[in-house]
Amino acid sequence: MYIQDQNSTAKIDAESLSDGINIYPNPTTNKLTIDYNLSKNTDVHFKILDATGRKIASHKLGSQSAGIQSVTVGVSHLANGMYICNLNIGSNILSRKIKKK
């Protein structure tokens, strides 16, 4: 799994993040981009869980600056199927279903 923090080059429409998180492409084959908007400097951590809730991948992104952030996650190593991506922002958890094909 690889992680690429893109927050210095992110050019994301804030309105597309009205619910706090945008994950694309979905379904995916090789990588996911996760865009999120922080109202203040916050610790961020994400997990990918399989359909049974077992943790498949986890990464601490550390303290992130307020504003729109973006990270790219390699998922080519995952088997085809449905997964849940949890983004922990401070004490909040945002979850989205993702499909690996």
N, C-alpha and C. Protein backbone atom coordinates (compact mmCIF):
# COMPACT_ATOMS: atom_id res chain seq x y z
N MET A 1 0.84 -1.17 0.00
CA MET A 1 0.00 0.00 0.00
C MET A 1 0.89 1.24 0.00
N TYR A 2 0.53 2.22 -0.80
CA TYR A 2 1.26 3.48 -0.76
C TYR A 2 0.30 4.61 -0.43
N ILE A 3 0.86 5.65 0.14
CA ILE A 3 0.11 6.84 0.51
C ILE A 3 0.81 8.04 -0.11
N GLN A 4 0.07 8.89 -0.75
CA GLN A 4 0.63 10.11 -1.30
C GLN A 4 -0.21 11.27 -0.81
N ASP A 5 0.37 12.12 0.02
CA ASP A 5 -0.34 13.28 0.53
C ASP A 5 -0.29 14.37 -0.52
N GLN A 6 -1.45 14.82 -0.94
CA GLN A 6 -1.50 15.83 -2.00
C GLN A 6 -2.01 17.17 -1.51
N ASN A 7 -1.97 17.44 -0.22
CA ASN A 7 -2.63 18.64 0.29
C ASN A 7 -2.03 19.92 -0.23
N SER A 8 -0.78 19.92 -0.66
CA SER A 8 -0.20 21.16 -1.15
C SER A 8 -0.64 21.50 -2.56
N THR A 9 -1.19 20.52 -3.29
CA THR A 9 -1.60 20.78 -4.67
C THR A 9 -3.10 20.56 -4.87
N ALA A 10 -3.83 20.36 -3.80
CA ALA A 10 -5.25 20.06 -3.93
C ALA A 10 -6.01 21.26 -4.49
N LYS A 11 -6.80 21.01 -5.52
CA LYS A 11 -7.68 22.02 -6.10
C LYS A 11 -9.05 21.40 -6.21
N ILE A 12 -9.75 21.38 -5.09
CA ILE A 12 -11.02 20.67 -4.98
C ILE A 12 -12.11 21.68 -4.68
N ASP A 13 -13.24 21.50 -5.30
CA ASP A 13 -14.39 22.35 -5.05
C ASP A 13 -14.96 22.03 -3.67
N ALA A 14 -14.96 23.01 -2.77
CA ALA A 14 -15.43 22.78 -1.40
C ALA A 14 -16.87 22.32 -1.36
N GLU A 15 -17.69 22.72 -2.33
CA GLU A 15 -19.09 22.29 -2.33
C GLU A 15 -19.23 20.79 -2.56
N SER A 16 -18.26 20.19 -3.26
CA SER A 16 -18.32 18.74 -3.48
C SER A 16 -18.02 17.98 -2.20
N LEU A 17 -17.54 18.68 -1.18
CA LEU A 17 -17.23 18.06 0.11
C LEU A 17 -18.24 18.45 1.17
N SER A 18 -19.46 18.75 0.75
CA SER A 18 -20.46 19.22 1.71
C SER A 18 -20.74 18.19 2.79
N ASP A 19 -20.55 16.90 2.48
CA ASP A 19 -20.75 15.88 3.51
C ASP A 19 -19.43 15.48 4.16
N GLY A 20 -18.34 16.19 3.87
CA GLY A 20 -17.08 16.01 4.57
C GLY A 20 -16.05 15.15 3.89
N ILE A 21 -16.45 14.29 2.94
CA ILE A 21 -15.50 13.37 2.34
C ILE A 21 -15.94 13.03 0.91
N ASN A 22 -14.97 12.89 0.05
CA ASN A 22 -15.21 12.47 -1.33
C ASN A 22 -14.15 11.43 -1.68
N ILE A 23 -14.57 10.23 -2.11
CA ILE A 23 -13.64 9.16 -2.46
C ILE A 23 -13.88 8.78 -3.91
N TYR A 24 -12.82 8.78 -4.71
CA TYR A 24 -12.95 8.47 -6.13
C TYR A 24 -11.65 7.90 -6.67
N PRO A 25 -11.64 7.21 -7.79
CA PRO A 25 -12.82 6.67 -8.45
C PRO A 25 -13.40 5.53 -7.64
N ASN A 26 -14.67 5.34 -7.76
CA ASN A 26 -15.35 4.28 -7.04
C ASN A 26 -16.45 3.73 -7.94
N PRO A 27 -16.27 2.53 -8.47
CA PRO A 27 -15.27 1.51 -8.15
C PRO A 27 -13.88 1.88 -8.67
N THR A 28 -12.87 1.19 -8.11
CA THR A 28 -11.48 1.46 -8.45
C THR A 28 -10.74 0.17 -8.75
N THR A 29 -9.58 0.31 -9.37
CA THR A 29 -8.73 -0.85 -9.63
C THR A 29 -7.38 -0.74 -8.94
N ASN A 30 -6.78 0.45 -8.97
CA ASN A 30 -5.42 0.60 -8.45
C ASN A 30 -5.26 1.56 -7.28
N LYS A 31 -5.95 2.68 -7.33
CA LYS A 31 -5.78 3.67 -6.27
C LYS A 31 -7.06 4.45 -6.05
N LEU A 32 -7.17 4.99 -4.85
CA LEU A 32 -8.28 5.85 -4.45
C LEU A 32 -7.73 7.21 -4.09
N THR A 33 -8.49 8.24 -4.37
CA THR A 33 -8.17 9.56 -3.87
C THR A 33 -9.25 9.92 -2.86
N ILE A 34 -8.81 10.37 -1.71
CA ILE A 34 -9.72 10.75 -0.63
C ILE A 34 -9.54 12.24 -0.39
N ASP A 35 -10.60 13.01 -0.65
CA ASP A 35 -10.61 14.45 -0.40
C ASP A 35 -11.44 14.71 0.85
N TYR A 36 -10.99 15.60 1.70
CA TYR A 36 -11.73 15.93 2.91
C TYR A 36 -11.43 17.36 3.31
N ASN A 37 -12.37 17.95 4.03
CA ASN A 37 -12.28 19.35 4.43
C ASN A 37 -12.22 19.43 5.95
N LEU A 38 -11.18 20.06 6.46
CA LEU A 38 -11.01 20.19 7.91
C LEU A 38 -11.33 21.61 8.35
N SER A 39 -12.13 21.74 9.39
CA SER A 39 -12.48 23.06 9.90
C SER A 39 -11.39 23.64 10.80
N LYS A 40 -10.50 22.76 11.29
CA LYS A 40 -9.38 23.20 12.13
C LYS A 40 -8.26 22.19 12.00
N ASN A 41 -7.07 22.53 12.50
CA ASN A 41 -5.97 21.59 12.50
C ASN A 41 -6.37 20.37 13.32
N THR A 42 -6.22 19.18 12.75
CA THR A 42 -6.75 17.97 13.36
C THR A 42 -5.89 16.77 12.99
N ASP A 43 -5.80 15.79 13.90
CA ASP A 43 -5.17 14.52 13.58
C ASP A 43 -6.11 13.71 12.69
N VAL A 44 -5.55 13.09 11.65
CA VAL A 44 -6.35 12.32 10.70
C VAL A 44 -5.75 10.92 10.58
N HIS A 45 -6.63 9.93 10.51
CA HIS A 45 -6.24 8.53 10.41
C HIS A 45 -7.27 7.84 9.55
N PHE A 46 -6.83 6.94 8.67
CA PHE A 46 -7.83 6.22 7.89
C PHE A 46 -7.60 4.73 7.99
N LYS A 47 -8.69 3.98 7.78
CA LYS A 47 -8.66 2.52 7.79
C LYS A 47 -9.48 2.02 6.62
N ILE A 48 -9.06 0.89 6.08
CA ILE A 48 -9.88 0.17 5.11
C ILE A 48 -10.25 -1.16 5.76
N LEU A 49 -11.56 -1.43 5.81
CA LEU A 49 -12.09 -2.64 6.43
C LEU A 49 -12.73 -3.50 5.35
N ASP A 50 -12.66 -4.83 5.54
CA ASP A 50 -13.36 -5.70 4.61
C ASP A 50 -14.83 -5.78 5.02
N ALA A 51 -15.61 -6.57 4.30
CA ALA A 51 -17.06 -6.64 4.53
C ALA A 51 -17.42 -7.19 5.91
N THR A 52 -16.48 -7.91 6.55
CA THR A 52 -16.74 -8.46 7.88
C THR A 52 -16.29 -7.51 8.99
N GLY A 53 -15.68 -6.37 8.61
CA GLY A 53 -15.20 -5.41 9.60
C GLY A 53 -13.76 -5.60 10.00
N ARG A 54 -13.07 -6.56 9.36
CA ARG A 54 -11.66 -6.81 9.66
C ARG A 54 -10.80 -5.71 9.03
N LYS A 55 -9.85 -5.17 9.81
CA LYS A 55 -8.98 -4.11 9.31
C LYS A 55 -8.01 -4.68 8.28
N ILE A 56 -8.03 -4.11 7.08
CA ILE A 56 -7.17 -4.53 5.98
C ILE A 56 -5.96 -3.61 5.87
N ALA A 57 -6.18 -2.33 6.06
CA ALA A 57 -5.11 -1.34 5.95
C ALA A 57 -5.41 -0.20 6.91
N SER A 58 -4.35 0.43 7.37
CA SER A 58 -4.50 1.55 8.31
C SER A 58 -3.30 2.47 8.15
N HIS A 59 -3.55 3.77 8.24
CA HIS A 59 -2.44 4.72 8.14
C HIS A 59 -2.78 5.98 8.91
N LYS A 60 -1.85 6.42 9.75
CA LYS A 60 -1.99 7.69 10.45
C LYS A 60 -1.39 8.78 9.58
N LEU A 61 -2.23 9.74 9.21
CA LEU A 61 -1.76 10.86 8.40
C LEU A 61 -1.18 11.96 9.27
N GLY A 62 -1.39 11.88 10.58
CA GLY A 62 -0.86 12.87 11.51
C GLY A 62 -1.69 14.13 11.54
N SER A 63 -1.10 15.18 12.08
CA SER A 63 -1.80 16.45 12.20
C SER A 63 -1.88 17.11 10.83
N GLN A 64 -3.09 17.44 10.42
CA GLN A 64 -3.34 18.08 9.13
C GLN A 64 -3.84 19.50 9.36
N SER A 65 -3.49 20.39 8.46
CA SER A 65 -3.90 21.78 8.55
C SER A 65 -5.37 21.94 8.17
N ALA A 66 -6.00 22.98 8.70
CA ALA A 66 -7.38 23.31 8.33
C ALA A 66 -7.46 23.56 6.84
N GLY A 67 -8.60 23.20 6.24
CA GLY A 67 -8.82 23.42 4.82
C GLY A 67 -9.02 22.11 4.09
N ILE A 68 -9.06 22.20 2.79
CA ILE A 68 -9.28 21.02 1.95
C ILE A 68 -7.98 20.24 1.82
N GLN A 69 -8.07 18.94 2.09
CA GLN A 69 -6.92 18.04 2.02
C GLN A 69 -7.22 16.91 1.04
N SER A 70 -6.18 16.27 0.55
CA SER A 70 -6.34 15.16 -0.38
C SER A 70 -5.21 14.16 -0.16
N VAL A 71 -5.55 12.88 -0.21
CA VAL A 71 -4.56 11.82 -0.09
C VAL A 71 -4.90 10.73 -1.09
N THR A 72 -3.87 10.14 -1.70
CA THR A 72 -4.06 9.03 -2.64
C THR A 72 -3.58 7.75 -1.97
N VAL A 73 -4.39 6.70 -2.08
CA VAL A 73 -4.11 5.43 -1.42
C VAL A 73 -4.06 4.32 -2.47
N GLY A 74 -2.98 3.58 -2.50
CA GLY A 74 -2.86 2.44 -3.40
C GLY A 74 -3.67 1.26 -2.88
N VAL A 75 -4.49 0.67 -3.74
CA VAL A 75 -5.33 -0.46 -3.34
C VAL A 75 -5.19 -1.64 -4.30
N SER A 76 -4.17 -1.63 -5.14
CA SER A 76 -4.02 -2.70 -6.12
C SER A 76 -3.81 -4.06 -5.46
N HIS A 77 -3.32 -4.07 -4.22
CA HIS A 77 -3.07 -5.32 -3.50
C HIS A 77 -4.34 -5.95 -2.93
N LEU A 78 -5.43 -5.21 -2.90
CA LEU A 78 -6.68 -5.73 -2.35
C LEU A 78 -7.37 -6.68 -3.33
N ALA A 79 -8.01 -7.70 -2.80
CA ALA A 79 -8.82 -8.59 -3.62
C ALA A 79 -10.06 -7.83 -4.10
N ASN A 80 -10.61 -8.23 -5.21
CA ASN A 80 -11.84 -7.61 -5.70
C ASN A 80 -12.95 -7.80 -4.67
N GLY A 81 -13.76 -6.77 -4.48
CA GLY A 81 -14.87 -6.87 -3.54
C GLY A 81 -15.23 -5.53 -2.93
N MET A 82 -16.11 -5.58 -1.95
CA MET A 82 -16.58 -4.38 -1.26
C MET A 82 -15.76 -4.16 0.01
N TYR A 83 -15.48 -2.89 0.29
CA TYR A 83 -14.72 -2.50 1.48
C TYR A 83 -15.37 -1.26 2.08
N ILE A 84 -14.97 -0.96 3.30
CA ILE A 84 -15.40 0.27 3.95
C ILE A 84 -14.16 1.09 4.24
N CYS A 85 -14.20 2.34 3.86
CA CYS A 85 -13.11 3.27 4.15
C CYS A 85 -13.57 4.17 5.29
N ASN A 86 -12.87 4.13 6.41
CA ASN A 86 -13.16 5.00 7.55
C ASN A 86 -12.10 6.08 7.63
N LEU A 87 -12.53 7.30 7.67
CA LEU A 87 -11.62 8.43 7.85
C LEU A 87 -11.90 9.02 9.23
N ASN A 88 -10.94 8.88 10.14
CA ASN A 88 -11.07 9.41 11.49
C ASN A 88 -10.48 10.81 11.49
N ILE A 89 -11.35 11.78 11.76
CA ILE A 89 -10.93 13.19 11.83
C ILE A 89 -11.19 13.64 13.25
N GLY A 90 -10.13 13.73 14.03
CA GLY A 90 -10.30 14.02 15.45
C GLY A 90 -11.13 12.92 16.08
N SER A 91 -12.26 13.26 16.68
CA SER A 91 -13.14 12.26 17.30
C SER A 91 -14.28 11.84 16.38
N ASN A 92 -14.31 12.35 15.16
CA ASN A 92 -15.36 12.00 14.19
C ASN A 92 -14.89 10.91 13.23
N ILE A 93 -15.80 10.05 12.82
CA ILE A 93 -15.49 9.01 11.84
C ILE A 93 -16.44 9.16 10.66
N LEU A 94 -15.87 9.31 9.47
CA LEU A 94 -16.65 9.37 8.24
C LEU A 94 -16.41 8.07 7.50
N SER A 95 -17.46 7.38 7.09
CA SER A 95 -17.34 6.08 6.44
C SER A 95 -17.97 6.10 5.06
N ARG A 96 -17.33 5.41 4.13
CA ARG A 96 -17.87 5.25 2.78
C ARG A 96 -17.57 3.84 2.31
N LYS A 97 -18.50 3.27 1.54
CA LYS A 97 -18.28 1.98 0.91
C LYS A 97 -17.47 2.21 -0.36
N ILE A 98 -16.53 1.33 -0.61
CA ILE A 98 -15.75 1.38 -1.84
C ILE A 98 -15.76 0.00 -2.48
N LYS A 99 -15.63 -0.03 -3.78
CA LYS A 99 -15.60 -1.30 -4.50
C LYS A 99 -14.29 -1.41 -5.26
N LYS A 100 -13.58 -2.50 -5.01
CA LYS A 100 -12.34 -2.80 -5.73
C LYS A 100 -12.70 -3.80 -6.82
N LYS A 101 -12.33 -3.48 -8.06
CA LYS A 101 -12.61 -4.42 -9.17
C LYS A 101 -11.37 -4.73 -9.93
